[in-house]
């Protein structure tokens, strides 16, 4: 595909931007909102915020919306006039990025499914880890330390120690009643070369969306890409069950985790700021 046939779109009033908003609402945002109006407003806010630092390219056979270059370049969206053109769009994306891509797939969206061609960003990492459902004994052992860890994260994010501990205790009592996973909660053990390496916890209580409640690698297994592997397994697990959306929360001080998730194709949808008076 020649560069002469490409057109960079930067005008927020361009019809293609309106199409992006509609696609984000239809394939990603609407699953989070009971009412259409706030959902469409959220889709508009997302596109408006991402557009200035991204590249939106129109071609005769479709379009590409790429995020900022980095270790992996996010593919925010891709559309094709016909599925036979998707390989050409994939080649163009690789050329423009000049390095690895971080695409995501949405169940039921045919262009994205063909573009990814069965591969999520970082899927090559998945072979580094074995991810299996936790036993009851593993859930109990995990919970003992997770309450304190979650409380500490909330405290580091600005809560008082008392409130952080109380919130953590009540949250785990609801999510893991009697030390067992509640409805929709799925806890997995991550192993590397036969040894326990960490955990990943997915909650799938909604028809088309899921949340990663926790992902953590044991100290001796950090820095090997196993956390990213666990996230890829979570993404595949939810995708294979027809869920169109996988989300997670990251506390502000944890910039390393945020970088990992962005390289795997996650997009920041909301940010919350606090200050002390």
Protein backbone atom coordinates (compact mmCIF):
# COMPACT_ATOMS: atom_id res chain seq x y z
CA UNK A 1 0.00 0.00 0.00
CA UNK A 2 1.70 3.20 -1.16
CA UNK A 3 2.12 6.19 1.12
CA UNK A 4 0.41 8.33 -1.54
CA UNK A 5 -2.80 6.44 -0.88
CA UNK A 6 -2.68 7.22 2.86
CA UNK A 7 -4.29 10.22 4.50
CA UNK A 8 -3.53 11.29 8.05
CA UNK A 9 -6.65 12.48 9.87
CA UNK A 10 -6.15 15.12 12.56
CA UNK A 11 -9.39 17.14 12.38
CA UNK A 12 -11.72 16.14 15.25
CA UNK A 13 -14.66 17.08 12.99
CA UNK A 14 -13.68 14.53 10.34
CA UNK A 15 -16.41 11.89 9.81
CA UNK A 16 -13.88 9.15 10.57
CA UNK A 17 -13.52 10.46 14.13
CA UNK A 18 -17.28 10.20 14.57
CA UNK A 19 -17.02 6.62 13.30
CA UNK A 20 -14.34 5.89 15.91
CA UNK A 21 -16.64 7.15 18.65
CA UNK A 22 -19.44 4.92 17.41
CA UNK A 23 -17.15 1.91 17.20
CA UNK A 24 -15.73 2.49 20.68
CA UNK A 25 -19.24 2.74 22.06
CA UNK A 26 -20.53 -0.30 20.22
CA UNK A 27 -17.63 -2.67 20.77
CA UNK A 28 -16.16 -1.52 24.07
CA UNK A 29 -17.96 1.11 26.14
CA UNK A 30 -21.63 0.14 26.04
CA UNK A 31 -21.05 -2.99 28.11
CA UNK A 32 -20.21 -0.80 31.10
CA UNK A 33 -23.30 1.41 31.08
CA UNK A 34 -26.97 0.68 31.65
CA UNK A 35 -28.02 3.86 29.79
CA UNK A 36 -26.95 4.86 26.29
CA UNK A 37 -26.33 8.57 26.89
CA UNK A 38 -23.53 8.29 29.49
CA UNK A 39 -22.01 5.45 27.48
CA UNK A 40 -21.79 7.55 24.33
CA UNK A 41 -20.39 10.45 26.36
CA UNK A 42 -17.68 8.12 27.72
CA UNK A 43 -16.84 6.93 24.18
CA UNK A 44 -16.56 10.54 23.00
CA UNK A 45 -14.31 11.44 25.94
CA UNK A 46 -12.07 8.44 25.27
CA UNK A 47 -11.56 9.20 21.58
CA UNK A 48 -11.08 12.93 22.23
CA UNK A 49 -8.42 12.23 24.85
CA UNK A 50 -6.47 9.67 22.82
CA UNK A 51 -6.63 11.36 19.42
CA UNK A 52 -4.00 14.13 19.84
CA UNK A 53 -1.17 11.71 20.69
CA UNK A 54 -2.18 9.01 18.22
CA UNK A 55 -2.07 8.42 14.46
CA UNK A 56 -5.32 8.01 12.54
CA UNK A 57 -4.73 6.97 8.94
CA UNK A 58 -7.37 6.60 6.22
CA UNK A 59 -6.61 4.39 3.21
CA UNK A 60 -8.64 3.29 0.18
CA UNK A 61 -9.33 -0.07 1.87
CA UNK A 62 -9.95 0.99 5.48
CA UNK A 63 -8.34 2.83 8.37
CA UNK A 64 -5.80 2.40 11.18
CA UNK A 65 -5.77 4.09 14.56
CA UNK A 66 -2.38 3.64 16.23
CA UNK A 67 -1.26 4.81 19.65
CA UNK A 68 2.12 6.37 20.51
CA UNK A 69 5.25 4.46 19.56
CA UNK A 70 7.00 2.61 22.34
CA UNK A 71 8.26 -0.88 23.07
CA UNK A 72 4.95 -1.93 21.52
CA UNK A 73 2.69 0.38 19.51
CA UNK A 74 -0.97 0.09 20.55
CA UNK A 75 -3.52 -0.58 17.82
CA UNK A 76 -6.53 1.32 19.14
CA UNK A 77 -8.76 0.34 16.24
CA UNK A 78 -8.72 -0.92 12.66
CA UNK A 79 -11.47 -1.07 10.07
CA UNK A 80 -11.56 -2.61 6.60
CA UNK A 81 -13.96 -2.25 3.70
CA UNK A 82 -13.54 -5.98 3.14
CA UNK A 83 -11.83 -8.65 5.23
CA UNK A 84 -9.55 -9.51 2.31
CA UNK A 85 -7.84 -6.13 2.88
CA UNK A 86 -6.95 -6.81 6.51
CA UNK A 87 -3.48 -8.31 5.77
CA UNK A 88 -2.54 -5.13 3.87
CA UNK A 89 -3.66 -3.02 6.83
CA UNK A 90 -1.66 -5.22 9.19
CA UNK A 91 1.46 -4.75 7.02
CA UNK A 92 0.89 -1.00 6.94
CA UNK A 93 0.52 -0.88 10.72
CA UNK A 94 3.82 -2.72 11.16
CA UNK A 95 5.51 -0.34 8.71
CA UNK A 96 4.20 2.77 10.46
CA UNK A 97 5.03 1.45 13.92
CA UNK A 98 8.53 0.32 13.01
CA UNK A 99 8.35 -2.34 15.72
CA UNK A 100 6.04 -4.76 17.54
CA UNK A 101 2.32 -3.98 17.66
CA UNK A 102 0.00 -4.28 20.66
CA UNK A 103 -3.41 -5.07 19.17
CA UNK A 104 -6.49 -6.29 21.00
CA UNK A 105 -9.34 -8.45 19.79
CA UNK A 106 -13.03 -7.95 20.43
CA UNK A 107 -15.31 -11.00 20.10
CA UNK A 108 -17.77 -10.53 17.26
CA UNK A 109 -15.86 -7.68 15.59
CA UNK A 110 -14.65 -9.46 12.43
CA UNK A 111 -12.00 -6.98 11.27
CA UNK A 112 -10.23 -6.96 14.63
CA UNK A 113 -10.38 -10.75 14.86
CA UNK A 114 -8.78 -11.18 11.44
CA UNK A 115 -6.21 -8.44 12.12
CA UNK A 116 -5.05 -10.13 15.30
CA UNK A 117 -5.25 -13.53 13.58
CA UNK A 118 -5.47 -15.38 16.88
CA UNK A 119 -2.62 -13.49 18.51
CA UNK A 120 -2.98 -10.98 21.32
CA UNK A 121 -0.17 -8.59 22.11
CA UNK A 122 2.42 -10.51 24.08
CA UNK A 123 0.85 -13.90 23.40
CA UNK A 124 4.34 -15.27 22.76
CA UNK A 125 4.84 -14.77 26.51
CA UNK A 126 2.03 -17.17 27.37
CA UNK A 127 4.21 -20.22 26.78
CA UNK A 128 6.41 -19.16 29.70
CA UNK A 129 3.73 -19.95 32.24
CA UNK A 130 1.16 -22.59 33.11
CA UNK A 131 -2.06 -21.11 34.51
CA UNK A 132 -4.51 -23.40 36.32
CA UNK A 133 -7.49 -22.87 38.68
CA UNK A 134 -6.52 -22.60 42.36
CA UNK A 135 -7.36 -25.40 44.74
CA UNK A 136 -9.31 -24.58 47.92
CA UNK A 137 -6.05 -24.76 49.87
CA UNK A 138 -4.36 -22.32 47.48
CA UNK A 139 -7.27 -19.88 47.76
CA UNK A 140 -7.05 -19.92 51.56
CA UNK A 141 -3.29 -19.38 51.53
CA UNK A 142 -3.60 -16.56 49.01
CA UNK A 143 -6.30 -14.74 50.98
CA UNK A 144 -4.19 -14.56 54.13
CA UNK A 145 -1.61 -12.36 52.45
CA UNK A 146 -3.86 -10.59 49.94
CA UNK A 147 -5.84 -8.69 52.57
CA UNK A 148 -2.67 -7.07 53.90
CA UNK A 149 -1.27 -6.42 50.41
CA UNK A 150 -4.44 -4.72 49.20
CA UNK A 151 -4.65 -2.60 52.34
CA UNK A 152 -1.05 -1.52 51.84
CA UNK A 153 -1.77 -0.53 48.22
CA UNK A 154 -4.71 1.60 49.28
CA UNK A 155 -2.61 3.22 52.00
CA UNK A 156 0.15 4.03 49.48
CA UNK A 157 -2.51 5.59 47.25
CA UNK A 158 -3.46 8.00 50.04
CA UNK A 159 -5.95 6.31 52.40
CA UNK A 160 -5.44 6.21 56.16
CA UNK A 161 -4.12 2.89 57.52
CA UNK A 162 -7.37 2.29 59.42
CA UNK A 163 -9.61 2.90 56.39
CA UNK A 164 -7.35 0.92 54.07
CA UNK A 165 -7.40 -2.13 56.37
CA UNK A 166 -11.15 -1.93 56.97
CA UNK A 167 -11.90 -1.60 53.26
CA UNK A 168 -9.64 -4.52 52.41
CA UNK A 169 -11.18 -6.80 55.05
CA UNK A 170 -14.76 -6.06 53.98
CA UNK A 171 -13.94 -6.41 50.28
CA UNK A 172 -12.38 -9.86 50.67
CA UNK A 173 -15.21 -11.02 52.92
CA UNK A 174 -17.63 -10.23 50.11
CA UNK A 175 -15.56 -11.56 47.22
CA UNK A 176 -14.22 -14.69 48.92
CA UNK A 177 -16.96 -15.67 51.39
CA UNK A 178 -15.85 -18.42 53.75
CA UNK A 179 -12.51 -18.49 51.99
CA UNK A 180 -13.96 -19.65 48.67
CA UNK A 181 -14.44 -17.73 45.41
CA UNK A 182 -17.81 -15.97 45.22
CA UNK A 183 -20.04 -15.90 42.16
CA UNK A 184 -18.11 -14.98 39.02
CA UNK A 185 -14.70 -14.98 40.72
CA UNK A 186 -11.97 -17.16 39.24
CA UNK A 187 -8.54 -17.48 40.87
CA UNK A 188 -5.62 -19.07 39.05
CA UNK A 189 -2.16 -20.19 40.07
CA UNK A 190 0.69 -19.27 37.74
CA UNK A 191 3.53 -21.81 37.48
CA UNK A 192 6.87 -21.64 35.72
CA UNK A 193 8.80 -24.83 35.02
CA UNK A 194 6.67 -26.63 37.58
CA UNK A 195 7.14 -24.11 40.39
CA UNK A 196 4.52 -21.75 41.78
CA UNK A 197 5.32 -18.31 40.41
CA UNK A 198 2.28 -16.19 41.24
CA UNK A 199 -1.47 -15.68 40.84
CA UNK A 200 -4.06 -14.01 38.66
CA UNK A 201 -7.66 -13.31 39.70
CA UNK A 202 -10.43 -12.62 37.17
CA UNK A 203 -13.98 -11.58 38.00
CA UNK A 204 -16.58 -12.25 35.29
CA UNK A 205 -19.94 -11.42 36.84
CA UNK A 206 -21.25 -9.39 33.89
CA UNK A 207 -22.48 -10.73 30.51
CA UNK A 208 -19.80 -9.19 28.29
CA UNK A 209 -17.07 -7.81 30.52
CA UNK A 210 -14.56 -8.97 33.10
CA UNK A 211 -12.09 -7.41 35.51
CA UNK A 212 -8.65 -8.48 36.64
CA UNK A 213 -8.83 -8.11 40.40
CA UNK A 214 -5.25 -9.10 41.08
CA UNK A 215 -2.12 -10.30 39.33
CA UNK A 216 1.06 -10.83 41.31
CA UNK A 217 4.29 -12.71 40.83
CA UNK A 218 6.35 -14.11 43.72
CA UNK A 219 9.61 -12.17 44.33
CA UNK A 220 11.87 -14.89 42.91
CA UNK A 221 9.92 -14.91 39.62
CA UNK A 222 9.64 -11.20 38.89
CA UNK A 223 11.31 -9.61 35.91
CA UNK A 224 10.82 -12.64 33.65
CA UNK A 225 7.68 -11.55 31.82
CA UNK A 226 5.49 -13.94 33.80
CA UNK A 227 3.12 -11.19 34.94
CA UNK A 228 2.55 -10.27 31.31
CA UNK A 229 2.04 -13.96 30.52
CA UNK A 230 -0.60 -14.20 33.25
CA UNK A 231 -2.41 -11.17 31.80
CA UNK A 232 -2.40 -12.73 28.33
CA UNK A 233 -3.93 -15.90 29.79
CA UNK A 234 -6.62 -13.76 31.46
CA UNK A 235 -7.34 -12.03 28.15
CA UNK A 236 -7.57 -15.33 26.28
CA UNK A 237 -9.73 -16.87 29.00
CA UNK A 238 -12.26 -14.03 28.83
CA UNK A 239 -12.19 -13.79 25.04
CA UNK A 240 -12.88 -17.51 24.67
CA UNK A 241 -15.97 -17.04 26.84
CA UNK A 242 -17.34 -14.34 24.57
CA UNK A 243 -16.46 -11.35 26.75
CA UNK A 244 -15.71 -8.21 24.79
CA UNK A 245 -14.00 -6.22 27.51
CA UNK A 246 -11.33 -6.88 30.14
CA UNK A 247 -10.48 -4.13 32.59
CA UNK A 248 -8.31 -3.51 35.63
CA UNK A 249 -7.40 -0.76 38.07
CA UNK A 250 -3.84 0.45 38.65
CA UNK A 251 -2.90 2.62 41.61
CA UNK A 252 -1.09 5.80 40.59
CA UNK A 253 2.34 5.02 42.12
CA UNK A 254 2.61 1.73 40.21
CA UNK A 255 4.04 3.13 36.97
CA UNK A 256 5.81 -0.12 36.08
CA UNK A 257 2.54 -2.08 36.01
CA UNK A 258 0.88 0.62 33.94
CA UNK A 259 3.65 0.36 31.35
CA UNK A 260 3.24 -3.42 31.14
CA UNK A 261 -0.51 -3.19 30.60
CA UNK A 262 -0.17 -0.52 27.92
CA UNK A 263 2.32 -2.71 26.03
CA UNK A 264 -0.27 -5.50 26.11
CA UNK A 265 -2.87 -3.32 24.40
CA UNK A 266 -4.78 -1.96 27.41
CA UNK A 267 -6.04 1.62 27.05
CA UNK A 268 -6.45 4.10 29.92
CA UNK A 269 -10.15 4.98 30.15
CA UNK A 270 -10.31 6.84 33.47
CA UNK A 271 -7.87 8.54 35.83
CA UNK A 272 -8.63 9.79 39.33
CA UNK A 273 -6.63 12.48 41.09
CA UNK A 274 -6.55 13.32 44.79
CA UNK A 275 -4.69 15.87 46.92
CA UNK A 276 -4.31 16.57 50.59
CA UNK A 277 -5.35 20.01 51.89
